[in-house]
Amino acid sequence: MSVAPMSPFDGLRLLTGHLSAGEQVCLAEIVRKLTENAPLFRPAMPRTGTPFSVRMTNFGSLGWVSDRAGGYRYQAHHPETGRPWPAIPQEILAVWRAVSGDLHDPEACLVNSYAGGAKMGLHQDADEAAREAPVVSISLGDTALFRIGGPRRGDKTRSFRLASGDVLVLGGASRHFFHGIDRIYPGTSRLIPGGGRINLTLRRVTVPA
C-alpha cells in the first residue's frame, strides 16, 4: 500500500488496495441497500440542462445535487423523493477517520455510479465552505482512469488508474486541483453485479463552529 504524497501534487495520496476484498463486498452491499431508499438520479448541468453521464445519490446530512433551476449546491433532501438522505454508514466513516487526518466527520458522501461510457469532466470541488478539509474518494468495482491537473483549468495534467479498493485523498494544495474521470475499463472487477464502478466521495461542507 502506497501512502506517500505523489509529487508534484502536494497533499495527494493514493492508498492502493486500502480496502480488503471483504471490505469492498461489504461497502458495495451497503450502497446497494441504501440506494433502495435514496435512488440513483441523473443530475443536469446548470447552464444547459444537459444530463450527466453519471448517476448519483448521497448519504449524510447534506447531499450534492445539480440542475438547471438551482445549479450546483448542497441540500438536505433527495431531489426526486424529497426524503432526507440516509446517514453515512459507520463502515464508510471508518475509512475517512483512518485516512483523512481531519478531526471532524464528513457531512456528505456523494455516490457516483459509472456504467458504460460514463465519465466525469475536469472540475474543482468548490461548492464547500470547508475547503481546507480534505476530500476522500473510495473506488469500488471497475478500474477508472483518473486525471488531475492544477488549480487552473488549463494546467498540465497527469493520469493514473484507480482500482477497486483504492482510496484517494485530496488534501493540501491538491484539494483545489481540477480532476476528473476519463474512462472506465469494463470487466476489470466482478464486485458490482452487471459491471460498472461506484465512487464514494466524502467531504466536509460547512466550517465547524
N, C-alpha and C. Protein backbone atom coordinates (compact mmCIF):
# COMPACT_ATOMS: atom_id res chain seq x y z
N MET A 1 0.85 -1.19 0.00
CA MET A 1 0.00 0.00 0.00
C MET A 1 0.87 1.23 0.00
N SER A 2 0.63 2.15 -0.95
CA SER A 2 1.41 3.38 -1.05
C SER A 2 0.69 4.50 -0.33
N VAL A 3 1.40 5.19 0.57
CA VAL A 3 0.79 6.30 1.28
C VAL A 3 1.58 7.58 1.10
N ALA A 4 2.64 7.56 0.31
CA ALA A 4 3.47 8.75 0.14
C ALA A 4 2.79 9.74 -0.79
N PRO A 5 2.96 11.05 -0.53
CA PRO A 5 2.42 12.05 -1.45
C PRO A 5 2.98 11.83 -2.85
N MET A 6 2.13 12.02 -3.86
CA MET A 6 2.52 11.78 -5.24
C MET A 6 3.00 13.09 -5.86
N SER A 7 4.27 13.41 -5.69
CA SER A 7 4.85 14.65 -6.21
C SER A 7 4.59 14.72 -7.71
N PRO A 8 4.27 15.91 -8.26
CA PRO A 8 4.29 17.21 -7.61
C PRO A 8 2.95 17.64 -7.04
N PHE A 9 2.03 16.74 -6.84
CA PHE A 9 0.71 17.11 -6.35
C PHE A 9 0.69 17.11 -4.83
N ASP A 10 1.04 18.21 -4.25
CA ASP A 10 1.18 18.33 -2.80
C ASP A 10 -0.11 17.93 -2.10
N GLY A 11 0.00 16.96 -1.20
CA GLY A 11 -1.14 16.55 -0.39
C GLY A 11 -1.98 15.46 -1.00
N LEU A 12 -1.69 15.05 -2.23
CA LEU A 12 -2.45 13.97 -2.86
C LEU A 12 -1.83 12.63 -2.46
N ARG A 13 -2.66 11.72 -1.94
CA ARG A 13 -2.18 10.40 -1.56
C ARG A 13 -3.06 9.33 -2.19
N LEU A 14 -2.44 8.39 -2.84
CA LEU A 14 -3.15 7.23 -3.38
C LEU A 14 -2.82 6.03 -2.52
N LEU A 15 -3.82 5.50 -1.84
CA LEU A 15 -3.66 4.33 -0.99
C LEU A 15 -4.16 3.12 -1.78
N THR A 16 -3.27 2.49 -2.50
CA THR A 16 -3.66 1.37 -3.35
C THR A 16 -4.00 0.15 -2.49
N GLY A 17 -5.11 -0.50 -2.82
CA GLY A 17 -5.52 -1.69 -2.08
C GLY A 17 -5.83 -1.45 -0.62
N HIS A 18 -6.28 -0.24 -0.30
CA HIS A 18 -6.55 0.07 1.11
C HIS A 18 -7.65 -0.81 1.68
N LEU A 19 -8.65 -1.13 0.87
CA LEU A 19 -9.76 -1.97 1.33
C LEU A 19 -9.55 -3.41 0.90
N SER A 20 -9.75 -4.33 1.83
CA SER A 20 -9.64 -5.76 1.50
C SER A 20 -10.82 -6.17 0.63
N ALA A 21 -10.73 -7.35 0.05
CA ALA A 21 -11.83 -7.87 -0.77
C ALA A 21 -13.12 -7.95 0.03
N GLY A 22 -13.03 -8.39 1.26
CA GLY A 22 -14.22 -8.48 2.11
C GLY A 22 -14.81 -7.12 2.42
N GLU A 23 -13.96 -6.13 2.66
CA GLU A 23 -14.44 -4.78 2.93
C GLU A 23 -15.11 -4.18 1.70
N GLN A 24 -14.59 -4.48 0.53
CA GLN A 24 -15.21 -4.00 -0.70
C GLN A 24 -16.60 -4.59 -0.89
N VAL A 25 -16.73 -5.88 -0.64
CA VAL A 25 -18.04 -6.53 -0.76
C VAL A 25 -19.02 -5.90 0.23
N CYS A 26 -18.56 -5.66 1.45
CA CYS A 26 -19.41 -5.06 2.48
C CYS A 26 -19.90 -3.68 2.06
N LEU A 27 -18.99 -2.83 1.58
CA LEU A 27 -19.38 -1.48 1.18
C LEU A 27 -20.32 -1.50 -0.03
N ALA A 28 -20.04 -2.37 -0.98
CA ALA A 28 -20.91 -2.46 -2.16
C ALA A 28 -22.33 -2.86 -1.77
N GLU A 29 -22.45 -3.78 -0.82
CA GLU A 29 -23.77 -4.21 -0.37
C GLU A 29 -24.47 -3.09 0.41
N ILE A 30 -23.73 -2.34 1.22
CA ILE A 30 -24.30 -1.21 1.94
C ILE A 30 -24.85 -0.18 0.96
N VAL A 31 -24.07 0.12 -0.08
CA VAL A 31 -24.53 1.08 -1.08
C VAL A 31 -25.79 0.57 -1.78
N ARG A 32 -25.81 -0.70 -2.12
CA ARG A 32 -26.98 -1.27 -2.80
C ARG A 32 -28.23 -1.11 -1.96
N LYS A 33 -28.12 -1.41 -0.66
CA LYS A 33 -29.29 -1.33 0.22
C LYS A 33 -29.75 0.11 0.41
N LEU A 34 -28.81 1.03 0.60
CA LEU A 34 -29.19 2.41 0.85
C LEU A 34 -29.78 3.09 -0.38
N THR A 35 -29.36 2.66 -1.56
CA THR A 35 -29.91 3.28 -2.77
C THR A 35 -31.33 2.80 -3.07
N GLU A 36 -31.81 1.83 -2.31
CA GLU A 36 -33.22 1.47 -2.44
C GLU A 36 -34.10 2.59 -1.91
N ASN A 37 -33.64 3.29 -0.87
CA ASN A 37 -34.40 4.40 -0.29
C ASN A 37 -33.95 5.77 -0.80
N ALA A 38 -32.72 5.83 -1.30
CA ALA A 38 -32.20 7.07 -1.90
C ALA A 38 -31.74 6.72 -3.30
N PRO A 39 -32.66 6.55 -4.24
CA PRO A 39 -32.33 6.00 -5.56
C PRO A 39 -31.38 6.91 -6.34
N LEU A 40 -30.60 6.25 -7.20
CA LEU A 40 -29.71 6.99 -8.10
C LEU A 40 -30.54 7.87 -9.02
N PHE A 41 -30.06 9.08 -9.25
CA PHE A 41 -30.71 10.01 -10.17
C PHE A 41 -29.66 10.59 -11.10
N ARG A 42 -30.10 11.22 -12.15
CA ARG A 42 -29.17 11.79 -13.12
C ARG A 42 -29.23 13.31 -13.03
N PRO A 43 -28.20 13.94 -12.46
CA PRO A 43 -28.19 15.40 -12.37
C PRO A 43 -28.01 16.04 -13.75
N ALA A 44 -28.15 17.35 -13.81
CA ALA A 44 -28.03 18.06 -15.09
C ALA A 44 -27.13 19.28 -14.92
N MET A 45 -26.51 19.69 -16.01
CA MET A 45 -25.65 20.87 -16.00
C MET A 45 -26.49 22.13 -15.78
N PRO A 46 -25.98 23.06 -14.98
CA PRO A 46 -26.77 24.25 -14.66
C PRO A 46 -27.15 25.12 -15.85
N ARG A 47 -26.22 25.35 -16.77
CA ARG A 47 -26.49 26.29 -17.85
C ARG A 47 -27.32 25.69 -18.98
N THR A 48 -27.02 24.44 -19.32
CA THR A 48 -27.63 23.83 -20.50
C THR A 48 -28.73 22.83 -20.18
N GLY A 49 -28.74 22.31 -18.97
CA GLY A 49 -29.68 21.26 -18.63
C GLY A 49 -29.28 19.90 -19.18
N THR A 50 -28.07 19.80 -19.74
CA THR A 50 -27.59 18.53 -20.28
C THR A 50 -27.39 17.52 -19.15
N PRO A 51 -27.95 16.32 -19.26
CA PRO A 51 -27.79 15.33 -18.19
C PRO A 51 -26.35 14.86 -18.07
N PHE A 52 -25.92 14.59 -16.86
CA PHE A 52 -24.63 13.96 -16.63
C PHE A 52 -24.67 12.54 -17.19
N SER A 53 -23.50 12.00 -17.53
CA SER A 53 -23.43 10.58 -17.93
C SER A 53 -23.37 9.68 -16.71
N VAL A 54 -23.10 10.26 -15.56
CA VAL A 54 -23.00 9.52 -14.30
C VAL A 54 -24.29 9.69 -13.52
N ARG A 55 -24.77 8.61 -12.92
CA ARG A 55 -25.91 8.70 -11.99
C ARG A 55 -25.37 8.89 -10.57
N MET A 56 -26.15 9.54 -9.73
CA MET A 56 -25.67 9.90 -8.40
C MET A 56 -26.76 9.72 -7.35
N THR A 57 -26.29 9.63 -6.10
CA THR A 57 -27.13 9.84 -4.93
C THR A 57 -26.18 10.26 -3.81
N ASN A 58 -26.72 10.41 -2.60
CA ASN A 58 -25.90 10.90 -1.48
C ASN A 58 -26.28 10.21 -0.18
N PHE A 59 -25.31 10.15 0.71
CA PHE A 59 -25.54 9.80 2.11
C PHE A 59 -25.02 10.96 2.96
N GLY A 60 -25.64 11.17 4.11
CA GLY A 60 -25.17 12.22 5.01
C GLY A 60 -26.22 13.29 5.25
N SER A 61 -25.89 14.26 6.10
CA SER A 61 -26.83 15.33 6.40
C SER A 61 -27.01 16.28 5.23
N LEU A 62 -26.02 16.32 4.33
CA LEU A 62 -26.09 17.16 3.14
C LEU A 62 -25.70 16.34 1.92
N GLY A 63 -26.33 16.64 0.79
CA GLY A 63 -26.01 15.93 -0.44
C GLY A 63 -25.82 16.90 -1.59
N TRP A 64 -24.90 16.56 -2.49
CA TRP A 64 -24.61 17.43 -3.63
C TRP A 64 -25.56 17.10 -4.77
N VAL A 65 -26.14 18.15 -5.36
CA VAL A 65 -27.04 17.99 -6.49
C VAL A 65 -26.75 19.08 -7.52
N SER A 66 -27.26 18.90 -8.72
CA SER A 66 -27.10 19.89 -9.78
C SER A 66 -28.28 19.80 -10.74
N ASP A 67 -28.84 20.95 -11.10
CA ASP A 67 -29.87 21.01 -12.12
C ASP A 67 -29.89 22.41 -12.72
N ARG A 68 -30.66 22.56 -13.76
CA ARG A 68 -30.69 23.85 -14.46
C ARG A 68 -31.33 24.94 -13.60
N ALA A 69 -32.30 24.56 -12.78
CA ALA A 69 -33.03 25.56 -11.99
C ALA A 69 -32.19 26.12 -10.84
N GLY A 70 -31.44 25.24 -10.16
CA GLY A 70 -30.74 25.68 -8.96
C GLY A 70 -29.24 25.63 -9.02
N GLY A 71 -28.67 25.05 -10.08
CA GLY A 71 -27.22 24.98 -10.20
C GLY A 71 -26.60 23.97 -9.25
N TYR A 72 -25.29 24.09 -9.07
CA TYR A 72 -24.56 23.21 -8.16
C TYR A 72 -24.86 23.65 -6.72
N ARG A 73 -25.14 22.68 -5.85
CA ARG A 73 -25.46 23.05 -4.48
C ARG A 73 -25.51 21.81 -3.59
N TYR A 74 -25.53 22.05 -2.29
CA TYR A 74 -25.80 21.01 -1.30
C TYR A 74 -27.18 21.25 -0.72
N GLN A 75 -27.89 20.15 -0.47
CA GLN A 75 -29.20 20.25 0.17
C GLN A 75 -29.43 19.02 1.03
N ALA A 76 -30.42 19.11 1.92
CA ALA A 76 -30.63 18.07 2.93
C ALA A 76 -31.57 16.96 2.48
N HIS A 77 -32.11 17.05 1.26
CA HIS A 77 -33.09 16.05 0.83
C HIS A 77 -32.84 15.63 -0.62
N HIS A 78 -33.33 14.44 -0.93
CA HIS A 78 -33.23 13.87 -2.27
C HIS A 78 -34.08 14.70 -3.24
N PRO A 79 -33.56 15.05 -4.42
CA PRO A 79 -34.31 15.93 -5.32
C PRO A 79 -35.55 15.29 -5.93
N GLU A 80 -35.63 13.97 -5.93
CA GLU A 80 -36.79 13.30 -6.54
C GLU A 80 -37.78 12.79 -5.50
N THR A 81 -37.28 12.22 -4.41
CA THR A 81 -38.19 11.67 -3.38
C THR A 81 -38.58 12.72 -2.34
N GLY A 82 -37.75 13.74 -2.16
CA GLY A 82 -37.98 14.72 -1.12
C GLY A 82 -37.61 14.26 0.28
N ARG A 83 -37.12 13.03 0.39
CA ARG A 83 -36.76 12.49 1.70
C ARG A 83 -35.33 12.90 2.08
N PRO A 84 -35.04 12.96 3.38
CA PRO A 84 -33.66 13.22 3.80
C PRO A 84 -32.74 12.11 3.30
N TRP A 85 -31.48 12.46 3.07
CA TRP A 85 -30.51 11.44 2.67
C TRP A 85 -30.27 10.47 3.82
N PRO A 86 -29.97 9.20 3.53
CA PRO A 86 -29.58 8.27 4.60
C PRO A 86 -28.29 8.74 5.27
N ALA A 87 -28.14 8.39 6.53
CA ALA A 87 -26.91 8.73 7.26
C ALA A 87 -25.72 8.00 6.63
N ILE A 88 -24.54 8.60 6.75
CA ILE A 88 -23.33 7.94 6.26
C ILE A 88 -23.05 6.73 7.15
N PRO A 89 -22.97 5.53 6.58
CA PRO A 89 -22.73 4.34 7.40
C PRO A 89 -21.38 4.38 8.12
N GLN A 90 -21.33 3.72 9.26
CA GLN A 90 -20.11 3.70 10.05
C GLN A 90 -18.94 3.09 9.29
N GLU A 91 -19.22 2.11 8.43
CA GLU A 91 -18.15 1.47 7.66
C GLU A 91 -17.46 2.45 6.71
N ILE A 92 -18.23 3.42 6.19
CA ILE A 92 -17.65 4.44 5.32
C ILE A 92 -16.96 5.51 6.15
N LEU A 93 -17.57 5.90 7.26
CA LEU A 93 -16.93 6.87 8.14
C LEU A 93 -15.58 6.35 8.64
N ALA A 94 -15.48 5.04 8.83
CA ALA A 94 -14.23 4.46 9.32
C ALA A 94 -13.08 4.71 8.35
N VAL A 95 -13.38 4.70 7.05
CA VAL A 95 -12.34 4.98 6.06
C VAL A 95 -11.88 6.43 6.19
N TRP A 96 -12.83 7.35 6.28
CA TRP A 96 -12.48 8.77 6.47
C TRP A 96 -11.60 8.96 7.71
N ARG A 97 -12.01 8.37 8.81
CA ARG A 97 -11.27 8.55 10.06
C ARG A 97 -9.87 7.96 9.98
N ALA A 98 -9.71 6.92 9.18
CA ALA A 98 -8.40 6.27 9.07
C ALA A 98 -7.43 7.04 8.19
N VAL A 99 -7.93 7.78 7.20
CA VAL A 99 -7.02 8.34 6.19
C VAL A 99 -7.03 9.86 6.09
N SER A 100 -8.07 10.53 6.58
CA SER A 100 -8.22 11.96 6.29
C SER A 100 -7.33 12.85 7.13
N GLY A 101 -7.07 12.43 8.38
CA GLY A 101 -6.35 13.30 9.29
C GLY A 101 -7.19 14.47 9.80
N ASP A 102 -8.48 14.45 9.52
CA ASP A 102 -9.38 15.54 9.92
C ASP A 102 -10.10 15.17 11.22
N LEU A 103 -10.25 16.14 12.10
CA LEU A 103 -10.87 15.88 13.40
C LEU A 103 -12.39 15.77 13.30
N HIS A 104 -12.97 16.25 12.21
CA HIS A 104 -14.42 16.28 12.07
C HIS A 104 -14.86 15.31 10.98
N ASP A 105 -15.98 14.66 11.21
CA ASP A 105 -16.51 13.72 10.23
C ASP A 105 -17.09 14.46 9.03
N PRO A 106 -17.16 13.81 7.88
CA PRO A 106 -17.76 14.43 6.70
C PRO A 106 -19.27 14.57 6.87
N GLU A 107 -19.82 15.56 6.20
CA GLU A 107 -21.27 15.75 6.19
C GLU A 107 -21.91 15.17 4.94
N ALA A 108 -21.09 14.90 3.92
CA ALA A 108 -21.63 14.44 2.64
C ALA A 108 -20.81 13.28 2.11
N CYS A 109 -21.53 12.29 1.60
CA CYS A 109 -20.92 11.18 0.86
C CYS A 109 -21.64 11.10 -0.48
N LEU A 110 -20.99 11.62 -1.51
CA LEU A 110 -21.56 11.57 -2.85
C LEU A 110 -21.29 10.21 -3.45
N VAL A 111 -22.34 9.57 -3.95
CA VAL A 111 -22.23 8.25 -4.58
C VAL A 111 -22.36 8.44 -6.09
N ASN A 112 -21.29 8.16 -6.81
CA ASN A 112 -21.31 8.23 -8.27
C ASN A 112 -21.32 6.82 -8.85
N SER A 113 -22.24 6.55 -9.75
CA SER A 113 -22.35 5.25 -10.39
C SER A 113 -22.01 5.39 -11.88
N TYR A 114 -20.91 4.74 -12.28
CA TYR A 114 -20.43 4.80 -13.66
C TYR A 114 -20.78 3.49 -14.37
N ALA A 115 -21.40 3.61 -15.52
CA ALA A 115 -21.70 2.43 -16.35
C ALA A 115 -21.41 2.78 -17.80
N GLY A 116 -21.02 1.78 -18.57
CA GLY A 116 -20.80 2.00 -19.99
C GLY A 116 -19.75 3.05 -20.24
N GLY A 117 -20.11 4.09 -21.02
CA GLY A 117 -19.18 5.15 -21.35
C GLY A 117 -19.22 6.34 -20.43
N ALA A 118 -19.75 6.18 -19.23
CA ALA A 118 -19.85 7.30 -18.29
C ALA A 118 -18.47 7.82 -17.91
N LYS A 119 -18.38 9.13 -17.71
CA LYS A 119 -17.14 9.75 -17.30
C LYS A 119 -17.48 11.03 -16.54
N MET A 120 -16.44 11.69 -16.02
CA MET A 120 -16.63 12.93 -15.28
C MET A 120 -15.58 13.93 -15.76
N GLY A 121 -16.03 15.05 -16.31
CA GLY A 121 -15.12 16.05 -16.83
C GLY A 121 -14.30 16.71 -15.74
N LEU A 122 -13.23 17.39 -16.14
CA LEU A 122 -12.38 18.09 -15.19
C LEU A 122 -13.20 19.13 -14.42
N HIS A 123 -13.04 19.12 -13.10
CA HIS A 123 -13.79 20.03 -12.25
C HIS A 123 -13.03 20.24 -10.94
N GLN A 124 -13.36 21.30 -10.24
CA GLN A 124 -12.87 21.53 -8.88
C GLN A 124 -13.99 21.22 -7.90
N ASP A 125 -13.63 20.72 -6.73
CA ASP A 125 -14.60 20.62 -5.64
C ASP A 125 -14.61 21.97 -4.94
N ALA A 126 -15.55 22.83 -5.35
CA ALA A 126 -15.52 24.22 -4.90
C ALA A 126 -16.84 24.70 -4.31
N ASP A 127 -17.76 23.77 -4.04
CA ASP A 127 -19.06 24.17 -3.52
C ASP A 127 -19.16 24.06 -2.01
N GLU A 128 -18.03 23.80 -1.36
CA GLU A 128 -18.00 23.62 0.09
C GLU A 128 -17.38 24.85 0.76
N ALA A 129 -17.90 25.22 1.93
CA ALA A 129 -17.27 26.29 2.71
C ALA A 129 -15.99 25.77 3.38
N ALA A 130 -15.99 24.49 3.75
CA ALA A 130 -14.84 23.88 4.43
C ALA A 130 -13.82 23.41 3.41
N ARG A 131 -13.22 24.33 2.69
CA ARG A 131 -12.32 23.96 1.60
C ARG A 131 -10.91 23.63 2.07
N GLU A 132 -10.65 23.74 3.37
CA GLU A 132 -9.36 23.30 3.88
C GLU A 132 -9.41 21.84 4.31
N ALA A 133 -10.60 21.29 4.46
CA ALA A 133 -10.73 19.87 4.79
C ALA A 133 -10.44 19.04 3.55
N PRO A 134 -9.85 17.86 3.70
CA PRO A 134 -9.54 17.03 2.54
C PRO A 134 -10.80 16.44 1.92
N VAL A 135 -10.64 15.92 0.72
CA VAL A 135 -11.66 15.12 0.05
C VAL A 135 -11.14 13.69 -0.01
N VAL A 136 -11.97 12.73 0.37
CA VAL A 136 -11.58 11.32 0.37
C VAL A 136 -12.45 10.57 -0.62
N SER A 137 -11.83 9.85 -1.54
CA SER A 137 -12.53 9.13 -2.60
C SER A 137 -12.26 7.64 -2.48
N ILE A 138 -13.34 6.83 -2.48
CA ILE A 138 -13.26 5.38 -2.36
C ILE A 138 -13.72 4.76 -3.66
N SER A 139 -12.90 3.91 -4.26
CA SER A 139 -13.24 3.26 -5.53
C SER A 139 -13.72 1.83 -5.30
N LEU A 140 -14.84 1.49 -5.95
CA LEU A 140 -15.40 0.16 -5.89
C LEU A 140 -15.78 -0.28 -7.30
N GLY A 141 -15.43 -1.49 -7.68
CA GLY A 141 -15.82 -2.01 -8.98
C GLY A 141 -14.76 -1.78 -10.04
N ASP A 142 -15.20 -1.58 -11.27
CA ASP A 142 -14.28 -1.49 -12.40
C ASP A 142 -13.25 -0.37 -12.24
N THR A 143 -12.07 -0.61 -12.78
CA THR A 143 -10.98 0.36 -12.74
C THR A 143 -11.33 1.60 -13.56
N ALA A 144 -10.90 2.77 -13.08
CA ALA A 144 -11.13 4.03 -13.77
C ALA A 144 -9.80 4.72 -14.07
N LEU A 145 -9.78 5.52 -15.13
CA LEU A 145 -8.64 6.36 -15.44
C LEU A 145 -8.90 7.74 -14.87
N PHE A 146 -8.14 8.09 -13.84
CA PHE A 146 -8.30 9.36 -13.13
C PHE A 146 -7.29 10.37 -13.68
N ARG A 147 -7.74 11.60 -13.86
CA ARG A 147 -6.85 12.65 -14.35
C ARG A 147 -6.89 13.84 -13.41
N ILE A 148 -5.72 14.42 -13.12
CA ILE A 148 -5.64 15.57 -12.22
C ILE A 148 -4.66 16.59 -12.78
N GLY A 149 -5.02 17.86 -12.63
CA GLY A 149 -4.18 18.95 -13.10
C GLY A 149 -3.71 19.82 -11.96
N GLY A 150 -4.03 21.10 -12.05
CA GLY A 150 -3.62 22.06 -11.02
C GLY A 150 -4.79 22.96 -10.66
N PRO A 151 -4.52 24.09 -10.01
CA PRO A 151 -5.60 24.97 -9.56
C PRO A 151 -6.29 25.74 -10.68
N ARG A 152 -5.70 25.73 -11.89
CA ARG A 152 -6.32 26.38 -13.05
C ARG A 152 -6.71 25.32 -14.08
N ARG A 153 -7.80 25.54 -14.75
CA ARG A 153 -8.33 24.53 -15.67
C ARG A 153 -7.32 24.16 -16.75
N GLY A 154 -6.52 25.11 -17.20
CA GLY A 154 -5.59 24.84 -18.27
C GLY A 154 -4.25 24.26 -17.84
N ASP A 155 -4.08 23.98 -16.53
CA ASP A 155 -2.81 23.43 -16.05
C ASP A 155 -2.56 22.04 -16.63
N LYS A 156 -1.29 21.70 -16.76
CA LYS A 156 -0.90 20.38 -17.25
C LYS A 156 -1.47 19.30 -16.33
N THR A 157 -1.90 18.19 -16.93
CA THR A 157 -2.50 17.10 -16.16
C THR A 157 -1.65 15.83 -16.24
N ARG A 158 -1.89 14.94 -15.32
CA ARG A 158 -1.35 13.59 -15.38
C ARG A 158 -2.46 12.62 -15.03
N SER A 159 -2.30 11.37 -15.43
CA SER A 159 -3.35 10.37 -15.24
C SER A 159 -2.79 9.12 -14.60
N PHE A 160 -3.63 8.44 -13.83
CA PHE A 160 -3.30 7.14 -13.29
C PHE A 160 -4.60 6.39 -13.02
N ARG A 161 -4.49 5.08 -12.83
CA ARG A 161 -5.67 4.25 -12.67
C ARG A 161 -6.05 4.09 -11.20
N LEU A 162 -7.37 4.04 -10.99
CA LEU A 162 -7.92 3.77 -9.67
C LEU A 162 -8.66 2.44 -9.75
N ALA A 163 -8.21 1.46 -8.97
CA ALA A 163 -8.82 0.13 -8.97
C ALA A 163 -9.72 -0.04 -7.75
N SER A 164 -10.53 -1.07 -7.78
CA SER A 164 -11.43 -1.35 -6.67
C SER A 164 -10.64 -1.56 -5.38
N GLY A 165 -11.06 -0.86 -4.35
CA GLY A 165 -10.38 -0.93 -3.05
C GLY A 165 -9.37 0.17 -2.83
N ASP A 166 -9.06 0.95 -3.88
CA ASP A 166 -8.15 2.08 -3.72
C ASP A 166 -8.87 3.24 -3.04
N VAL A 167 -8.10 4.00 -2.28
CA VAL A 167 -8.62 5.21 -1.63
C VAL A 167 -7.70 6.37 -2.00
N LEU A 168 -8.31 7.46 -2.46
CA LEU A 168 -7.55 8.64 -2.87
C LEU A 168 -7.88 9.79 -1.93
N VAL A 169 -6.84 10.45 -1.43
CA VAL A 169 -7.02 11.59 -0.54
C VAL A 169 -6.51 12.84 -1.24
N LEU A 170 -7.40 13.81 -1.43
CA LEU A 170 -7.01 15.11 -1.97
C LEU A 170 -6.94 16.09 -0.80
N GLY A 171 -5.72 16.34 -0.33
CA GLY A 171 -5.51 17.26 0.77
C GLY A 171 -4.50 18.32 0.38
N GLY A 172 -4.26 19.27 1.27
CA GLY A 172 -3.28 20.30 0.97
C GLY A 172 -3.62 21.04 -0.31
N ALA A 173 -2.60 21.33 -1.11
CA ALA A 173 -2.82 22.06 -2.36
C ALA A 173 -3.70 21.29 -3.33
N SER A 174 -3.59 19.95 -3.34
CA SER A 174 -4.34 19.16 -4.30
C SER A 174 -5.85 19.22 -4.06
N ARG A 175 -6.26 19.66 -2.89
CA ARG A 175 -7.69 19.83 -2.58
C ARG A 175 -8.36 20.78 -3.59
N HIS A 176 -7.58 21.68 -4.18
CA HIS A 176 -8.13 22.70 -5.05
C HIS A 176 -7.79 22.45 -6.52
N PHE A 177 -7.29 21.25 -6.83
CA PHE A 177 -6.88 20.96 -8.21
C PHE A 177 -8.06 20.43 -9.03
N PHE A 178 -8.05 20.77 -10.32
CA PHE A 178 -9.03 20.20 -11.25
C PHE A 178 -8.74 18.71 -11.44
N HIS A 179 -9.79 17.92 -11.49
CA HIS A 179 -9.64 16.48 -11.63
C HIS A 179 -10.90 15.89 -12.26
N GLY A 180 -10.78 14.67 -12.76
CA GLY A 180 -11.93 14.03 -13.37
C GLY A 180 -11.66 12.57 -13.71
N ILE A 181 -12.66 11.92 -14.25
CA ILE A 181 -12.57 10.52 -14.68
C ILE A 181 -12.74 10.47 -16.19
N ASP A 182 -11.69 10.01 -16.89
CA ASP A 182 -11.72 9.99 -18.35
C ASP A 182 -12.43 8.78 -18.92
N ARG A 183 -12.31 7.64 -18.25
CA ARG A 183 -12.96 6.43 -18.77
C ARG A 183 -12.99 5.36 -17.70
N ILE A 184 -13.84 4.37 -17.94
CA ILE A 184 -13.94 3.17 -17.11
C ILE A 184 -13.48 1.98 -17.95
N TYR A 185 -12.79 1.04 -17.33
CA TYR A 185 -12.33 -0.17 -18.01
C TYR A 185 -13.27 -1.32 -17.66
N PRO A 186 -14.24 -1.62 -18.53
CA PRO A 186 -15.23 -2.67 -18.23
C PRO A 186 -14.57 -4.03 -18.02
N GLY A 187 -15.15 -4.80 -17.12
CA GLY A 187 -14.70 -6.16 -16.90
C GLY A 187 -13.47 -6.29 -16.03
N THR A 188 -13.00 -5.21 -15.43
CA THR A 188 -11.82 -5.27 -14.58
C THR A 188 -12.14 -5.65 -13.14
N SER A 189 -13.42 -5.76 -12.81
CA SER A 189 -13.83 -6.17 -11.47
C SER A 189 -15.16 -6.91 -11.57
N ARG A 190 -15.37 -7.84 -10.66
CA ARG A 190 -16.64 -8.56 -10.57
C ARG A 190 -17.46 -8.11 -9.36
N LEU A 191 -17.03 -7.02 -8.73
CA LEU A 191 -17.67 -6.60 -7.48
C LEU A 191 -19.11 -6.14 -7.69
N ILE A 192 -19.35 -5.35 -8.74
CA ILE A 192 -20.67 -4.78 -8.98
C ILE A 192 -21.43 -5.69 -9.94
N PRO A 193 -22.58 -6.22 -9.54
CA PRO A 193 -23.35 -7.08 -10.44
C PRO A 193 -23.65 -6.35 -11.75
N GLY A 194 -23.32 -6.99 -12.87
CA GLY A 194 -23.53 -6.36 -14.16
C GLY A 194 -22.42 -5.43 -14.58
N GLY A 195 -21.42 -5.25 -13.71
CA GLY A 195 -20.29 -4.39 -14.03
C GLY A 195 -20.52 -2.94 -13.65
N GLY A 196 -19.49 -2.12 -13.88
CA GLY A 196 -19.58 -0.71 -13.56
C GLY A 196 -18.72 -0.34 -12.37
N ARG A 197 -18.74 0.91 -12.04
CA ARG A 197 -17.91 1.45 -10.95
C ARG A 197 -18.75 2.32 -10.05
N ILE A 198 -18.51 2.20 -8.75
CA ILE A 198 -19.10 3.09 -7.76
C ILE A 198 -17.97 3.87 -7.10
N ASN A 199 -18.14 5.17 -7.02
CA ASN A 199 -17.18 6.01 -6.32
C ASN A 199 -17.88 6.72 -5.18
N LEU A 200 -17.29 6.65 -4.00
CA LEU A 200 -17.82 7.34 -2.82
C LEU A 200 -16.89 8.50 -2.50
N THR A 201 -17.42 9.72 -2.56
CA THR A 201 -16.61 10.91 -2.30
C THR A 201 -17.09 11.57 -1.01
N LEU A 202 -16.20 11.60 -0.02
CA LEU A 202 -16.52 12.12 1.31
C LEU A 202 -16.00 13.54 1.44
N ARG A 203 -16.87 14.45 1.90
CA ARG A 203 -16.48 15.85 2.04
C ARG A 203 -17.07 16.48 3.30
N ARG A 204 -16.30 17.36 3.92
CA ARG A 204 -16.85 18.33 4.84
C ARG A 204 -17.45 19.45 4.01
N VAL A 205 -18.60 19.97 4.41
CA VAL A 205 -19.27 21.02 3.65
C VAL A 205 -19.21 22.35 4.39
N THR A 206 -19.56 22.36 5.66
CA THR A 206 -19.57 23.58 6.46
C THR A 206 -18.33 23.66 7.34
N VAL A 207 -17.99 24.85 7.75
CA VAL A 207 -16.86 25.05 8.65
C VAL A 207 -17.34 24.80 10.08
N PRO A 208 -16.66 23.90 10.83
CA PRO A 208 -17.09 23.62 12.20
C PRO A 208 -17.10 24.88 13.06
N ALA A 209 -18.10 24.98 13.92
CA ALA A 209 -18.22 26.16 14.80
C ALA A 209 -17.09 26.15 15.83
